[in-house]
């Protein structure tokens, strides 16, 4: 879904750095995997093809915030 994004806050020694991975086109989504001490955030197409990936050491990740695209309810749509 266009608008899906994940923010990653990483400890960079004396400071923190924030990275964002955003679904850049309609029909894409952002998936998060944690395995073997690595946090992997990937932008994926509808077919499951990985477009791009960001990898971070799990010991350095301070926060991982997943922000899905806001959905409209039928009651909120303008008539």
C-alpha atoms as a PDB file:
ATOM      1  CA  UNK A   1       0.000   0.000   0.000  1.00  0.00           C
ATOM      2  CA  UNK A   2       1.333   3.408  -0.831  1.00  0.00           C
ATOM      3  CA  UNK A   3       1.915   5.241   2.424  1.00  0.00           C
ATOM      4  CA  UNK A   4       3.100   2.262   4.468  1.00  0.00           C
ATOM      5  CA  UNK A   5       6.335   3.193   6.169  1.00  0.00           C
ATOM      6  CA  UNK A   6       8.679   2.056   8.905  1.00  0.00           C
ATOM      7  CA  UNK A   7      10.900   4.329  10.989  1.00  0.00           C
ATOM      8  CA  UNK A   8      14.060   2.870  12.498  1.00  0.00           C
ATOM      9  CA  UNK A   9      15.986   4.679  15.246  1.00  0.00           C
ATOM     10  CA  UNK A  10      19.572   3.445  15.540  1.00  0.00           C
ATOM     11  CA  UNK A  11      22.268   4.105  18.158  1.00  0.00           C
ATOM     12  CA  UNK A  12      25.240   5.636  16.316  1.00  0.00           C
ATOM     13  CA  UNK A  13      27.659   5.934  19.218  1.00  0.00           C
ATOM     14  CA  UNK A  14      27.278   9.417  20.683  1.00  0.00           C
ATOM     15  CA  UNK A  15      24.049  10.199  18.775  1.00  0.00           C
ATOM     16  CA  UNK A  16      21.017   8.521  17.233  1.00  0.00           C
ATOM     17  CA  UNK A  17      20.040   8.319  13.596  1.00  0.00           C
ATOM     18  CA  UNK A  18      16.579   7.861  12.147  1.00  0.00           C
ATOM     19  CA  UNK A  19      15.946   6.008   8.902  1.00  0.00           C
ATOM     20  CA  UNK A  20      12.667   5.565   7.011  1.00  0.00           C
ATOM     21  CA  UNK A  21      11.654   2.874   4.556  1.00  0.00           C
ATOM     22  CA  UNK A  22       8.547   3.892   2.601  1.00  0.00           C
ATOM     23  CA  UNK A  23       6.420   1.998   0.095  1.00  0.00           C
ATOM     24  CA  UNK A  24       7.156   4.234  -2.880  1.00  0.00           C
ATOM     25  CA  UNK A  25       4.397   3.079  -5.248  1.00  0.00           C
ATOM     26  CA  UNK A  26       0.832   1.859  -5.042  1.00  0.00           C
ATOM     27  CA  UNK A  27       0.561  -1.878  -4.436  1.00  0.00           C
ATOM     28  CA  UNK A  28       3.805  -2.128  -2.488  1.00  0.00           C
ATOM     29  CA  UNK A  29       4.191  -2.818   1.206  1.00  0.00           C
ATOM     30  CA  UNK A  30       6.934  -2.721   3.810  1.00  0.00           C
ATOM     31  CA  UNK A  31       7.837  -5.916   5.680  1.00  0.00           C
ATOM     32  CA  UNK A  32       9.983  -6.266   8.799  1.00  0.00           C
ATOM     33  CA  UNK A  33      12.001  -9.357   9.771  1.00  0.00           C
ATOM     34  CA  UNK A  34      14.248  -9.942  12.784  1.00  0.00           C
ATOM     35  CA  UNK A  35      16.594 -12.893  12.549  1.00  0.00           C
ATOM     36  CA  UNK A  36      20.111 -13.819  13.610  1.00  0.00           C
ATOM     37  CA  UNK A  37      20.726 -10.472  15.286  1.00  0.00           C
ATOM     38  CA  UNK A  38      19.777  -8.441  12.209  1.00  0.00           C
ATOM     39  CA  UNK A  39      16.687  -6.278  11.670  1.00  0.00           C
ATOM     40  CA  UNK A  40      15.716  -6.308   8.000  1.00  0.00           C
ATOM     41  CA  UNK A  41      13.144  -3.884   6.564  1.00  0.00           C
ATOM     42  CA  UNK A  42      12.141  -4.514   2.936  1.00  0.00           C
ATOM     43  CA  UNK A  43       9.889  -2.865   0.377  1.00  0.00           C
ATOM     44  CA  UNK A  44       7.970  -5.644  -1.384  1.00  0.00           C
ATOM     45  CA  UNK A  45       5.764  -5.697  -4.498  1.00  0.00           C
ATOM     46  CA  UNK A  46       2.412  -7.472  -4.761  1.00  0.00           C
ATOM     47  CA  UNK A  47       4.173 -10.512  -6.229  1.00  0.00           C
ATOM     48  CA  UNK A  48       6.531 -10.734  -3.264  1.00  0.00           C
ATOM     49  CA  UNK A  49       9.586  -9.428  -5.100  1.00  0.00           C
ATOM     50  CA  UNK A  50      11.883  -7.424  -2.845  1.00  0.00           C
ATOM     51  CA  UNK A  51      12.608  -3.984  -4.313  1.00  0.00           C
ATOM     52  CA  UNK A  52      15.020  -2.685  -1.672  1.00  0.00           C
ATOM     53  CA  UNK A  53      16.192  -3.687   1.780  1.00  0.00           C
ATOM     54  CA  UNK A  54      17.681  -1.918   4.794  1.00  0.00           C
ATOM     55  CA  UNK A  55      19.590  -3.988   7.368  1.00  0.00           C
ATOM     56  CA  UNK A  56      20.574  -2.978  10.907  1.00  0.00           C
ATOM     57  CA  UNK A  57      22.284  -4.768  13.778  1.00  0.00           C
ATOM     58  CA  UNK A  58      19.567  -5.646  16.300  1.00  0.00           C
ATOM     59  CA  UNK A  59      21.781  -4.590  19.226  1.00  0.00           C
ATOM     60  CA  UNK A  60      21.942  -1.033  17.790  1.00  0.00           C
ATOM     61  CA  UNK A  61      18.223  -0.594  17.051  1.00  0.00           C
ATOM     62  CA  UNK A  62      16.529   1.558  19.693  1.00  0.00           C
ATOM     63  CA  UNK A  63      13.052   1.791  18.151  1.00  0.00           C
ATOM     64  CA  UNK A  64      11.179   0.295  15.226  1.00  0.00           C
ATOM     65  CA  UNK A  65       7.911   2.085  14.448  1.00  0.00           C
ATOM     66  CA  UNK A  66       5.570   0.640  11.827  1.00  0.00           C
ATOM     67  CA  UNK A  67       3.114   3.199  10.469  1.00  0.00           C
ATOM     68  CA  UNK A  68       0.487   1.752   8.128  1.00  0.00           C
ATOM     69  CA  UNK A  69      -1.477   3.925   5.737  1.00  0.00           C
ATOM     70  CA  UNK A  70      -4.623   5.292   7.426  1.00  0.00           C
ATOM     71  CA  UNK A  71      -7.778   3.569   6.180  1.00  0.00           C
ATOM     72  CA  UNK A  72     -11.055   5.380   5.558  1.00  0.00           C
ATOM     73  CA  UNK A  73     -14.237   3.944   7.058  1.00  0.00           C
ATOM     74  CA  UNK A  74     -17.430   4.039   5.017  1.00  0.00           C
ATOM     75  CA  UNK A  75     -18.912   6.525   7.518  1.00  0.00           C
ATOM     76  CA  UNK A  76     -16.001   8.951   7.090  1.00  0.00           C
ATOM     77  CA  UNK A  77     -16.138   9.159   3.281  1.00  0.00           C
ATOM     78  CA  UNK A  78     -17.631  12.339   1.837  1.00  0.00           C
ATOM     79  CA  UNK A  79     -20.898  11.795  -0.035  1.00  0.00           C
END
